[in-house]
C-alpha atoms as a PDB file:
ATOM      1  CA  UNK A   1       0.021  -0.181  -0.106  1.00  0.00           C
ATOM      2  CA  UNK A   2       1.568   3.152  -1.238  1.00  0.00           C
ATOM      3  CA  UNK A   3       0.907   6.120   0.673  1.00  0.00           C
ATOM      4  CA  UNK A   4      -1.019   9.064  -1.492  1.00  0.00           C
ATOM      5  CA  UNK A   5       0.050  12.661  -1.654  1.00  0.00           C
ATOM      6  CA  UNK A   6      -2.328  15.159  -0.821  1.00  0.00           C
ATOM      7  CA  UNK A   7      -2.055  16.117  -4.775  1.00  0.00           C
ATOM      8  CA  UNK A   8      -2.709  12.994  -5.584  1.00  0.00           C
ATOM      9  CA  UNK A   9      -5.624  12.226  -3.319  1.00  0.00           C
ATOM     10  CA  UNK A  10      -7.793  15.279  -4.193  1.00  0.00           C
ATOM     11  CA  UNK A  11      -6.953  14.026  -8.106  1.00  0.00           C
ATOM     12  CA  UNK A  12      -8.723  10.986  -7.443  1.00  0.00           C
ATOM     13  CA  UNK A  13     -11.478  12.224  -5.077  1.00  0.00           C
ATOM     14  CA  UNK A  14     -12.467  14.081  -8.132  1.00  0.00           C
ATOM     15  CA  UNK A  15     -12.252  10.999 -10.559  1.00  0.00           C
ATOM     16  CA  UNK A  16     -14.308   9.496  -7.636  1.00  0.00           C
ATOM     17  CA  UNK A  17     -17.117  11.745  -6.939  1.00  0.00           C
ATOM     18  CA  UNK A  18     -19.408  10.550 -10.118  1.00  0.00           C
ATOM     19  CA  UNK A  19     -18.988   6.917  -9.500  1.00  0.00           C
ATOM     20  CA  UNK A  20     -21.573   5.029  -8.065  1.00  0.00           C
ATOM     21  CA  UNK A  21     -20.889   2.319  -5.045  1.00  0.00           C
ATOM     22  CA  UNK A  22     -19.909  -1.164  -6.524  1.00  0.00           C
ATOM     23  CA  UNK A  23     -19.915  -3.516  -3.847  1.00  0.00           C
ATOM     24  CA  UNK A  24     -22.441  -2.681  -0.275  1.00  0.00           C
ATOM     25  CA  UNK A  25     -20.975  -4.001   3.217  1.00  0.00           C
ATOM     26  CA  UNK A  26     -24.133  -5.208   4.957  1.00  0.00           C
ATOM     27  CA  UNK A  27     -24.778  -6.508   8.773  1.00  0.00           C
ATOM     28  CA  UNK A  28     -22.330  -9.411   8.027  1.00  0.00           C
ATOM     29  CA  UNK A  29     -19.462  -7.168   8.006  1.00  0.00           C
ATOM     30  CA  UNK A  30     -16.632  -8.312   6.113  1.00  0.00           C
ATOM     31  CA  UNK A  31     -16.397 -11.834   4.814  1.00  0.00           C
ATOM     32  CA  UNK A  32     -14.039 -13.529   2.415  1.00  0.00           C
ATOM     33  CA  UNK A  33     -16.251 -13.834  -0.449  1.00  0.00           C
ATOM     34  CA  UNK A  34     -17.260  -9.715   0.321  1.00  0.00           C
ATOM     35  CA  UNK A  35     -12.812  -8.967   0.016  1.00  0.00           C
ATOM     36  CA  UNK A  36     -12.974 -11.176  -2.652  1.00  0.00           C
ATOM     37  CA  UNK A  37     -15.409  -9.242  -4.916  1.00  0.00           C
ATOM     38  CA  UNK A  38     -13.698  -5.738  -3.490  1.00  0.00           C
ATOM     39  CA  UNK A  39     -10.330  -7.166  -4.742  1.00  0.00           C
ATOM     40  CA  UNK A  40     -11.999  -8.304  -8.687  1.00  0.00           C
ATOM     41  CA  UNK A  41     -13.474  -4.806  -8.586  1.00  0.00           C
ATOM     42  CA  UNK A  42     -10.018  -3.201  -7.648  1.00  0.00           C
ATOM     43  CA  UNK A  43      -8.416  -5.086 -10.611  1.00  0.00           C
ATOM     44  CA  UNK A  44     -11.185  -4.038 -13.341  1.00  0.00           C
ATOM     45  CA  UNK A  45     -10.927  -0.409 -11.945  1.00  0.00           C
ATOM     46  CA  UNK A  46      -7.856   1.578 -10.002  1.00  0.00           C
ATOM     47  CA  UNK A  47     -10.763   3.687  -7.939  1.00  0.00           C
ATOM     48  CA  UNK A  48     -13.899   2.225  -6.050  1.00  0.00           C
ATOM     49  CA  UNK A  49     -16.295   3.135  -3.903  1.00  0.00           C
ATOM     50  CA  UNK A  50     -17.935   1.090  -0.832  1.00  0.00           C
ATOM     51  CA  UNK A  51     -21.494   1.725   0.608  1.00  0.00           C
ATOM     52  CA  UNK A  52     -21.496   0.206   4.115  1.00  0.00           C
ATOM     53  CA  UNK A  53     -23.992   0.183   6.546  1.00  0.00           C
ATOM     54  CA  UNK A  54     -23.924   1.053   9.665  1.00  0.00           C
ATOM     55  CA  UNK A  55     -23.882   4.104  12.025  1.00  0.00           C
ATOM     56  CA  UNK A  56     -20.610   3.674  14.145  1.00  0.00           C
ATOM     57  CA  UNK A  57     -17.872   5.496  12.625  1.00  0.00           C
ATOM     58  CA  UNK A  58     -15.550   3.965  14.049  1.00  0.00           C
ATOM     59  CA  UNK A  59     -16.247   0.362  12.785  1.00  0.00           C
ATOM     60  CA  UNK A  60     -16.500   2.126   9.626  1.00  0.00           C
ATOM     61  CA  UNK A  61     -13.413   3.376   9.353  1.00  0.00           C
ATOM     62  CA  UNK A  62     -11.543   0.232  10.815  1.00  0.00           C
ATOM     63  CA  UNK A  63     -13.439  -1.880   7.671  1.00  0.00           C
ATOM     64  CA  UNK A  64     -11.423   0.804   5.673  1.00  0.00           C
ATOM     65  CA  UNK A  65      -8.871   0.401   7.342  1.00  0.00           C
ATOM     66  CA  UNK A  66      -8.938  -3.737   7.208  1.00  0.00           C
ATOM     67  CA  UNK A  67      -9.874  -3.595   3.249  1.00  0.00           C
ATOM     68  CA  UNK A  68      -6.972  -1.658   2.378  1.00  0.00           C
ATOM     69  CA  UNK A  69      -4.767  -3.935   4.073  1.00  0.00           C
ATOM     70  CA  UNK A  70      -6.154  -6.630   2.865  1.00  0.00           C
ATOM     71  CA  UNK A  71      -6.276  -5.369  -0.907  1.00  0.00           C
ATOM     72  CA  UNK A  72      -3.470  -3.377  -0.857  1.00  0.00           C
ATOM     73  CA  UNK A  73      -5.296  -0.309  -1.396  1.00  0.00           C
ATOM     74  CA  UNK A  74      -4.212   3.137   0.083  1.00  0.00           C
ATOM     75  CA  UNK A  75      -7.634   4.750   1.242  1.00  0.00           C
ATOM     76  CA  UNK A  76      -8.489   7.764  -0.671  1.00  0.00           C
ATOM     77  CA  UNK A  77     -11.530   9.700   1.373  1.00  0.00           C
ATOM     78  CA  UNK A  78     -14.301   8.272   4.112  1.00  0.00           C
ATOM     79  CA  UNK A  79     -17.662  10.266   3.991  1.00  0.00           C
ATOM     80  CA  UNK A  80     -20.652   9.034   5.984  1.00  0.00           C
ATOM     81  CA  UNK A  81     -21.198   6.022   4.913  1.00  0.00           C
ATOM     82  CA  UNK A  82     -19.484   5.681   1.554  1.00  0.00           C
ATOM     83  CA  UNK A  83     -15.309   4.440   1.093  1.00  0.00           C
ATOM     84  CA  UNK A  84     -13.268   5.606  -1.124  1.00  0.00           C
ATOM     85  CA  UNK A  85     -10.353   2.761  -1.941  1.00  0.00           C
ATOM     86  CA  UNK A  86      -7.628   3.310  -5.002  1.00  0.00           C
ATOM     87  CA  UNK A  87      -5.155   0.483  -6.099  1.00  0.00           C
ATOM     88  CA  UNK A  88      -3.022   1.361  -8.640  1.00  0.00           C
ATOM     89  CA  UNK A  89      -3.409  -1.007 -11.782  1.00  0.00           C
ATOM     90  CA  UNK A  90      -0.148  -2.913 -12.852  1.00  0.00           C
ATOM     91  CA  UNK A  91       0.732  -2.510 -16.505  1.00  0.00           C
ATOM     92  CA  UNK A  92       1.399  -5.595 -18.810  1.00  0.00           C
ATOM     93  CA  UNK A  93       4.766  -6.640 -19.097  1.00  0.00           C
ATOM     94  CA  UNK A  94       5.854  -5.842 -22.744  1.00  0.00           C
ATOM     95  CA  UNK A  95       6.038  -8.436 -24.927  1.00  0.00           C
ATOM     96  CA  UNK A  96       7.746  -8.883 -28.368  1.00  0.00           C
ATOM     97  CA  UNK A  97       6.089  -6.867 -30.852  1.00  0.00           C
ATOM     98  CA  UNK A  98       4.155  -9.628 -33.251  1.00  0.00           C
ATOM     99  CA  UNK A  99       5.084  -9.808 -36.465  1.00  0.00           C
ATOM    100  CA  UNK A 100       3.030  -9.207 -39.060  1.00  0.00           C
ATOM    101  CA  UNK A 101       3.088 -11.493 -42.495  1.00  0.00           C
ATOM    102  CA  UNK A 102       4.285 -10.937 -45.391  1.00  0.00           C
ATOM    103  CA  UNK A 103       2.184  -8.869 -48.050  1.00  0.00           C
ATOM    104  CA  UNK A 104       1.304 -10.449 -51.006  1.00  0.00           C
ATOM    105  CA  UNK A 105       2.505  -8.511 -54.452  1.00  0.00           C
ATOM    106  CA  UNK A 106      -1.149  -7.231 -56.065  1.00  0.00           C
ATOM    107  CA  UNK A 107      -1.973  -8.575 -58.877  1.00  0.00           C
ATOM    108  CA  UNK A 108      -1.948  -6.714 -61.885  1.00  0.00           C
ATOM    109  CA  UNK A 109      -5.127  -6.402 -63.782  1.00  0.00           C
ATOM    110  CA  UNK A 110      -5.366  -7.151 -67.070  1.00  0.00           C
ATOM    111  CA  UNK A 111      -5.545  -4.358 -68.383  1.00  0.00           C
ATOM    112  CA  UNK A 112      -1.402  -3.153 -67.490  1.00  0.00           C
ATOM    113  CA  UNK A 113      -0.348  -6.192 -69.643  1.00  0.00           C
ATOM    114  CA  UNK A 114      -1.978  -4.509 -72.884  1.00  0.00           C
ATOM    115  CA  UNK A 115       0.181  -1.465 -73.295  1.00  0.00           C
ATOM    116  CA  UNK A 116       3.722  -3.293 -72.941  1.00  0.00           C
END
């Protein structure tokens, strides 16, 4: 988990503003299936919103810490019952460029032979 600078956090907050929550945490709290779903969402999107039910703010902050620890993500924002989490998507390793097949010489139309 890489700590975010204030400038990075500000840009991520702006990006997250238009997002809808992808995952909802119910009364049962964090389960293995829920953490797997969060991980899958972070693989697809680098920035996600998570909706948490419950009225205890300290519990939500602890949940944010546990989510970030388990997923290897960075916390961006915690407003009310919405948590915003960011994890950088690793760039795929550059593979060898694909070779294009050799192009065949175009066939000359019949007319082109008549002038010679």
